[in-house]
Structure formats: C-alpha cells, structure tokens
C-alpha cells in the first residue's frame, strides 16, 4: 500500500502479483511465512483531511502550501486525505520503515519516462 503512491498503481499491482506468486511457491516448498499485522481501523467519523494535514505537517516540519497547490487544489486535497491520511495513518508500518520504503522507491528511478 505504501509503495503505490510512489511507484504507481500498475507497478504496485504487478509487484503484489509477483509477491503473491513467491509466497505461493514458498508455501509449496514447505516454507511458512507469517502474515504481517493488519492495520487497526481508524475511529468512526475520522476527518481524513484533518488527520492527513496533521501527518503531513509533522513529517514536513511545517504546514505545506504553495503555488502548485494553489494552481491544482485537488492534488493538495488528495495528498492530504489519501496519502497522508489513509496511507500514512495505517499503523502496521512504522514511520521509519515508511521513510526507508519511500527513499528506496524514489532512488530506484521508477518514474514515468
């Protein structure tokens, strides 16, 4: 879930398929891999814009704004509600691991060519 924001849905779906096939092969070889923890649900009525804005501000060290977000306010809302709200609020991956995964995704150069 963390990676699709940086690698894109198609690559993430391909990666999930590859990972699933690997786990199935390992299972066929008698290797049992424990499943990771599922994220706990957020409280009913959580305002994702407020939560995401708080997460983004904490991670960035200051509120994030600027001409790009003024030009395309929908992308600002998507980033705050979905990336920093929905994804970064999942408690099954700590912030340090998220940072490592993000840097790894960005460092691999998997971007639109």
N, C-alpha and C. Protein backbone atom coordinates (compact mmCIF):
# COMPACT_ATOMS: atom_id res chain seq x y z
N UNK A 1 0.82 -1.18 0.00
CA UNK A 1 0.00 0.00 0.00
C UNK A 1 0.87 1.26 0.00
N UNK A 2 1.94 1.22 0.75
CA UNK A 2 2.84 2.37 0.83
C UNK A 2 3.45 2.70 -0.52
N UNK A 3 3.80 1.68 -1.27
CA UNK A 3 4.59 1.90 -2.47
C UNK A 3 3.80 2.46 -3.66
N UNK A 4 2.50 2.19 -3.72
CA UNK A 4 1.81 2.62 -4.94
C UNK A 4 1.78 4.14 -5.08
N UNK A 5 1.86 4.85 -3.99
CA UNK A 5 1.87 6.31 -4.08
C UNK A 5 3.14 6.80 -4.78
N UNK A 6 4.19 6.01 -4.74
CA UNK A 6 5.46 6.42 -5.32
C UNK A 6 5.78 5.68 -6.62
N UNK A 7 5.30 4.45 -6.75
CA UNK A 7 5.60 3.66 -7.94
C UNK A 7 4.43 3.62 -8.91
N UNK A 8 3.24 3.95 -8.45
CA UNK A 8 2.05 3.92 -9.28
C UNK A 8 1.28 2.62 -9.12
N UNK A 9 -0.01 2.69 -9.43
CA UNK A 9 -0.86 1.52 -9.28
C UNK A 9 -0.41 0.35 -10.16
N UNK A 10 -0.16 0.55 -11.46
CA UNK A 10 0.22 -0.61 -12.29
C UNK A 10 1.44 -1.36 -11.75
N UNK A 11 2.49 -0.64 -11.40
CA UNK A 11 3.69 -1.30 -10.87
C UNK A 11 3.39 -1.97 -9.54
N UNK A 12 2.59 -1.33 -8.70
CA UNK A 12 2.26 -1.92 -7.41
C UNK A 12 1.43 -3.18 -7.56
N UNK A 13 0.49 -3.17 -8.49
CA UNK A 13 -0.30 -4.38 -8.73
C UNK A 13 0.58 -5.50 -9.27
N UNK A 14 1.50 -5.16 -10.17
CA UNK A 14 2.45 -6.16 -10.68
C UNK A 14 3.32 -6.71 -9.55
N UNK A 15 3.77 -5.83 -8.68
CA UNK A 15 4.60 -6.26 -7.56
C UNK A 15 3.82 -7.15 -6.61
N UNK A 16 2.56 -6.82 -6.34
CA UNK A 16 1.74 -7.67 -5.48
C UNK A 16 1.55 -9.05 -6.10
N UNK A 17 1.33 -9.10 -7.41
CA UNK A 17 1.20 -10.38 -8.09
C UNK A 17 2.47 -11.21 -7.99
N UNK A 18 3.61 -10.57 -8.16
CA UNK A 18 4.89 -11.26 -8.04
C UNK A 18 5.12 -11.75 -6.61
N UNK A 19 4.80 -10.92 -5.66
CA UNK A 19 4.97 -11.28 -4.24
C UNK A 19 4.05 -12.44 -3.87
N UNK A 20 2.81 -12.38 -4.34
CA UNK A 20 1.85 -13.45 -4.09
C UNK A 20 2.36 -14.77 -4.67
N UNK A 21 2.86 -14.74 -5.90
CA UNK A 21 3.41 -15.94 -6.54
C UNK A 21 4.60 -16.49 -5.76
N UNK A 22 5.46 -15.60 -5.28
CA UNK A 22 6.62 -16.02 -4.49
C UNK A 22 6.15 -16.71 -3.21
N UNK A 23 5.18 -16.13 -2.52
CA UNK A 23 4.69 -16.74 -1.29
C UNK A 23 4.05 -18.10 -1.57
N UNK A 24 3.32 -18.21 -2.68
CA UNK A 24 2.72 -19.49 -3.04
C UNK A 24 3.79 -20.54 -3.33
N UNK A 25 4.87 -20.14 -4.01
CA UNK A 25 5.96 -21.07 -4.28
C UNK A 25 6.65 -21.49 -2.99
N UNK A 26 6.86 -20.54 -2.11
CA UNK A 26 7.48 -20.86 -0.83
C UNK A 26 6.60 -21.81 -0.03
N UNK A 27 5.30 -21.57 -0.05
CA UNK A 27 4.36 -22.45 0.65
C UNK A 27 4.43 -23.86 0.05
N UNK A 28 4.49 -23.96 -1.28
CA UNK A 28 4.61 -25.25 -1.95
C UNK A 28 5.92 -25.96 -1.58
N UNK A 29 6.94 -25.17 -1.27
CA UNK A 29 8.23 -25.72 -0.87
C UNK A 29 8.30 -26.01 0.63
N UNK A 30 7.17 -25.84 1.32
CA UNK A 30 7.11 -26.14 2.75
C UNK A 30 7.56 -25.01 3.64
N UNK A 31 7.71 -23.83 3.11
CA UNK A 31 8.14 -22.67 3.90
C UNK A 31 6.90 -21.86 4.27
N UNK A 32 6.72 -21.63 5.54
CA UNK A 32 5.57 -20.86 6.01
C UNK A 32 6.04 -19.48 6.45
N UNK A 33 5.50 -18.46 5.80
CA UNK A 33 5.82 -17.08 6.15
C UNK A 33 4.65 -16.50 6.93
N UNK A 34 4.91 -15.95 8.11
CA UNK A 34 3.80 -15.36 8.87
C UNK A 34 3.28 -14.10 8.16
N UNK A 35 1.98 -13.93 8.20
CA UNK A 35 1.38 -12.72 7.64
C UNK A 35 1.68 -11.54 8.56
N UNK A 36 1.81 -10.38 7.97
CA UNK A 36 2.01 -9.17 8.76
C UNK A 36 0.72 -8.75 9.44
N UNK A 37 0.84 -7.81 10.33
CA UNK A 37 -0.33 -7.29 11.04
C UNK A 37 -1.21 -6.49 10.09
N UNK A 38 -2.50 -6.63 10.24
CA UNK A 38 -3.45 -5.78 9.53
C UNK A 38 -3.54 -4.46 10.29
N UNK A 39 -3.73 -3.35 9.59
CA UNK A 39 -3.86 -2.07 10.30
C UNK A 39 -5.16 -2.03 11.09
N UNK A 40 -5.09 -1.35 12.22
CA UNK A 40 -6.31 -1.17 13.01
C UNK A 40 -7.17 -0.10 12.34
N UNK A 41 -8.48 -0.28 12.36
CA UNK A 41 -9.34 0.74 11.75
C UNK A 41 -9.27 2.05 12.53
N UNK A 42 -9.44 3.13 11.81
CA UNK A 42 -9.49 4.44 12.46
C UNK A 42 -10.87 4.62 13.10
N UNK A 43 -10.96 5.46 14.11
CA UNK A 43 -12.27 5.68 14.73
C UNK A 43 -13.30 6.18 13.72
N UNK A 44 -14.54 5.76 13.90
CA UNK A 44 -15.62 6.22 13.03
C UNK A 44 -15.66 7.74 13.05
N UNK A 45 -15.89 8.32 11.89
CA UNK A 45 -16.00 9.78 11.81
C UNK A 45 -14.68 10.51 11.73
N UNK A 46 -13.56 9.79 11.57
CA UNK A 46 -12.26 10.44 11.46
C UNK A 46 -12.27 11.36 10.24
N UNK A 47 -11.86 12.59 10.44
CA UNK A 47 -11.76 13.55 9.35
C UNK A 47 -10.39 13.35 8.69
N UNK A 48 -10.41 12.73 7.51
CA UNK A 48 -9.15 12.37 6.86
C UNK A 48 -8.35 13.59 6.41
N UNK A 49 -9.03 14.68 6.07
CA UNK A 49 -8.30 15.88 5.69
C UNK A 49 -7.54 16.43 6.89
N UNK A 50 -8.19 16.49 8.04
CA UNK A 50 -7.50 16.98 9.24
C UNK A 50 -6.37 16.04 9.66
N UNK A 51 -6.64 14.75 9.65
CA UNK A 51 -5.63 13.77 10.03
C UNK A 51 -4.45 13.81 9.07
N UNK A 52 -4.73 13.83 7.77
CA UNK A 52 -3.67 13.87 6.78
C UNK A 52 -2.86 15.15 6.84
N UNK A 53 -3.54 16.27 7.07
CA UNK A 53 -2.83 17.55 7.20
C UNK A 53 -1.89 17.51 8.40
N UNK A 54 -2.36 16.94 9.50
CA UNK A 54 -1.52 16.82 10.70
C UNK A 54 -0.31 15.92 10.43
N UNK A 55 -0.53 14.78 9.77
CA UNK A 55 0.57 13.88 9.44
C UNK A 55 1.58 14.55 8.51
N UNK A 56 1.08 15.21 7.47
CA UNK A 56 1.95 15.88 6.51
C UNK A 56 2.77 16.97 7.19
N UNK A 57 2.12 17.75 8.03
CA UNK A 57 2.80 18.84 8.74
C UNK A 57 3.87 18.28 9.67
N UNK A 58 3.55 17.21 10.38
CA UNK A 58 4.53 16.61 11.29
C UNK A 58 5.73 16.07 10.51
N UNK A 59 5.47 15.38 9.41
CA UNK A 59 6.56 14.81 8.62
C UNK A 59 7.40 15.89 7.93
N UNK A 60 6.75 16.97 7.49
CA UNK A 60 7.45 18.04 6.78
C UNK A 60 8.09 19.05 7.71
N UNK A 61 7.64 19.10 8.94
CA UNK A 61 8.16 20.06 9.90
C UNK A 61 7.45 21.40 9.88
N UNK A 62 6.53 21.57 8.94
CA UNK A 62 5.76 22.82 8.82
C UNK A 62 4.59 22.56 7.88
N UNK A 63 3.56 23.39 7.95
CA UNK A 63 2.45 23.23 7.00
C UNK A 63 2.95 23.33 5.55
N UNK A 64 2.36 22.54 4.68
CA UNK A 64 2.77 22.52 3.27
C UNK A 64 1.75 23.27 2.44
N UNK A 65 2.24 24.24 1.70
CA UNK A 65 1.40 25.02 0.79
C UNK A 65 2.30 25.57 -0.30
N UNK A 66 1.67 26.24 -1.27
CA UNK A 66 2.50 26.84 -2.31
C UNK A 66 1.75 26.99 -3.60
N UNK A 67 2.41 27.60 -4.59
CA UNK A 67 1.76 27.91 -5.86
C UNK A 67 1.23 26.68 -6.60
N UNK A 68 1.92 25.55 -6.52
CA UNK A 68 1.44 24.35 -7.20
C UNK A 68 0.10 23.91 -6.62
N UNK A 69 -0.02 23.97 -5.31
CA UNK A 69 -1.26 23.57 -4.66
C UNK A 69 -2.35 24.61 -4.86
N UNK A 70 -1.97 25.86 -5.01
CA UNK A 70 -2.96 26.90 -5.35
C UNK A 70 -3.47 26.69 -6.78
N UNK A 71 -2.58 26.28 -7.66
CA UNK A 71 -2.94 26.04 -9.06
C UNK A 71 -3.84 24.81 -9.21
N UNK A 72 -3.53 23.76 -8.45
CA UNK A 72 -4.28 22.50 -8.52
C UNK A 72 -4.68 22.06 -7.11
N UNK A 73 -5.67 22.72 -6.52
CA UNK A 73 -6.04 22.41 -5.13
C UNK A 73 -6.50 20.96 -4.92
N UNK A 74 -6.99 20.32 -5.96
CA UNK A 74 -7.42 18.93 -5.80
C UNK A 74 -6.25 18.02 -5.44
N UNK A 75 -5.07 18.26 -6.01
CA UNK A 75 -3.91 17.41 -5.70
C UNK A 75 -3.50 17.61 -4.25
N UNK A 76 -3.62 18.81 -3.73
CA UNK A 76 -3.32 19.07 -2.33
C UNK A 76 -4.28 18.27 -1.44
N UNK A 77 -5.54 18.28 -1.79
CA UNK A 77 -6.54 17.54 -1.01
C UNK A 77 -6.28 16.03 -1.11
N UNK A 78 -5.97 15.53 -2.32
CA UNK A 78 -5.68 14.11 -2.49
C UNK A 78 -4.48 13.70 -1.65
N UNK A 79 -3.41 14.50 -1.70
CA UNK A 79 -2.22 14.20 -0.91
C UNK A 79 -2.54 14.15 0.58
N UNK A 80 -3.28 15.15 1.03
CA UNK A 80 -3.58 15.23 2.46
C UNK A 80 -4.55 14.14 2.91
N UNK A 81 -5.63 13.93 2.15
CA UNK A 81 -6.63 12.96 2.60
C UNK A 81 -6.18 11.53 2.33
N UNK A 82 -5.65 11.27 1.15
CA UNK A 82 -5.36 9.88 0.81
C UNK A 82 -3.94 9.46 1.22
N UNK A 83 -2.92 10.14 0.71
CA UNK A 83 -1.55 9.72 1.04
C UNK A 83 -1.27 9.88 2.53
N UNK A 84 -1.40 11.10 3.02
CA UNK A 84 -1.03 11.35 4.42
C UNK A 84 -2.14 10.97 5.40
N UNK A 85 -3.37 10.84 4.92
CA UNK A 85 -4.47 10.40 5.77
C UNK A 85 -4.62 8.90 5.72
N UNK A 86 -5.16 8.39 4.63
CA UNK A 86 -5.44 6.95 4.51
C UNK A 86 -4.19 6.08 4.64
N UNK A 87 -3.15 6.40 3.89
CA UNK A 87 -1.99 5.51 3.84
C UNK A 87 -1.09 5.69 5.06
N UNK A 88 -0.71 6.93 5.36
CA UNK A 88 0.23 7.15 6.46
C UNK A 88 -0.39 6.92 7.84
N UNK A 89 -1.71 6.78 7.91
CA UNK A 89 -2.36 6.52 9.19
C UNK A 89 -2.47 5.03 9.49
N UNK A 90 -2.13 4.19 8.52
CA UNK A 90 -2.15 2.74 8.77
C UNK A 90 -1.05 2.43 9.78
N UNK A 91 -1.42 1.78 10.86
CA UNK A 91 -0.48 1.59 11.97
C UNK A 91 0.32 0.28 11.88
N UNK A 92 0.29 -0.38 10.74
CA UNK A 92 1.03 -1.63 10.64
C UNK A 92 2.43 -1.44 10.05
N UNK A 93 2.83 -0.21 9.81
CA UNK A 93 4.17 0.10 9.35
C UNK A 93 4.61 1.38 10.06
N UNK A 94 5.75 1.31 10.74
CA UNK A 94 6.19 2.49 11.48
C UNK A 94 6.76 3.54 10.53
N UNK A 95 6.91 4.74 11.04
CA UNK A 95 7.35 5.87 10.20
C UNK A 95 8.74 5.65 9.63
N UNK A 96 9.63 5.07 10.39
CA UNK A 96 10.99 4.84 9.89
C UNK A 96 10.95 3.89 8.70
N UNK A 97 10.18 2.82 8.81
CA UNK A 97 10.06 1.87 7.70
C UNK A 97 9.42 2.54 6.49
N UNK A 98 8.45 3.41 6.71
CA UNK A 98 7.83 4.14 5.61
C UNK A 98 8.87 5.03 4.91
N UNK A 99 9.70 5.69 5.69
CA UNK A 99 10.73 6.56 5.11
C UNK A 99 11.71 5.75 4.28
N UNK A 100 12.13 4.61 4.79
CA UNK A 100 13.07 3.75 4.06
C UNK A 100 12.43 3.28 2.76
N UNK A 101 11.18 2.83 2.81
CA UNK A 101 10.48 2.37 1.61
C UNK A 101 10.33 3.50 0.60
N UNK A 102 10.01 4.69 1.08
CA UNK A 102 9.83 5.84 0.19
C UNK A 102 11.13 6.21 -0.50
N UNK A 103 12.21 6.29 0.27
CA UNK A 103 13.51 6.63 -0.32
C UNK A 103 13.93 5.55 -1.31
N UNK A 104 13.70 4.29 -0.97
CA UNK A 104 14.06 3.19 -1.88
C UNK A 104 13.28 3.30 -3.19
N UNK A 105 11.99 3.59 -3.09
CA UNK A 105 11.17 3.72 -4.30
C UNK A 105 11.64 4.87 -5.16
N UNK A 106 11.93 5.99 -4.54
CA UNK A 106 12.37 7.16 -5.29
C UNK A 106 13.77 6.97 -5.85
N UNK A 107 14.62 6.25 -5.13
CA UNK A 107 16.00 6.05 -5.58
C UNK A 107 16.11 5.07 -6.73
N UNK A 108 15.14 4.20 -6.90
CA UNK A 108 15.22 3.21 -7.97
C UNK A 108 14.99 3.81 -9.33
N UNK A 109 14.45 5.02 -9.36
CA UNK A 109 14.23 5.68 -10.63
C UNK A 109 12.98 5.21 -11.35
N UNK A 110 12.09 4.51 -10.65
CA UNK A 110 10.83 4.07 -11.28
C UNK A 110 9.89 5.25 -11.35
N UNK A 111 9.98 5.94 -12.43
CA UNK A 111 9.11 7.09 -12.66
C UNK A 111 8.66 7.05 -14.11
N UNK A 112 7.70 7.87 -14.42
CA UNK A 112 7.21 7.92 -15.79
C UNK A 112 8.32 8.39 -16.71
N UNK A 113 8.52 7.69 -17.77
CA UNK A 113 9.61 8.03 -18.70
C UNK A 113 9.05 8.71 -19.91
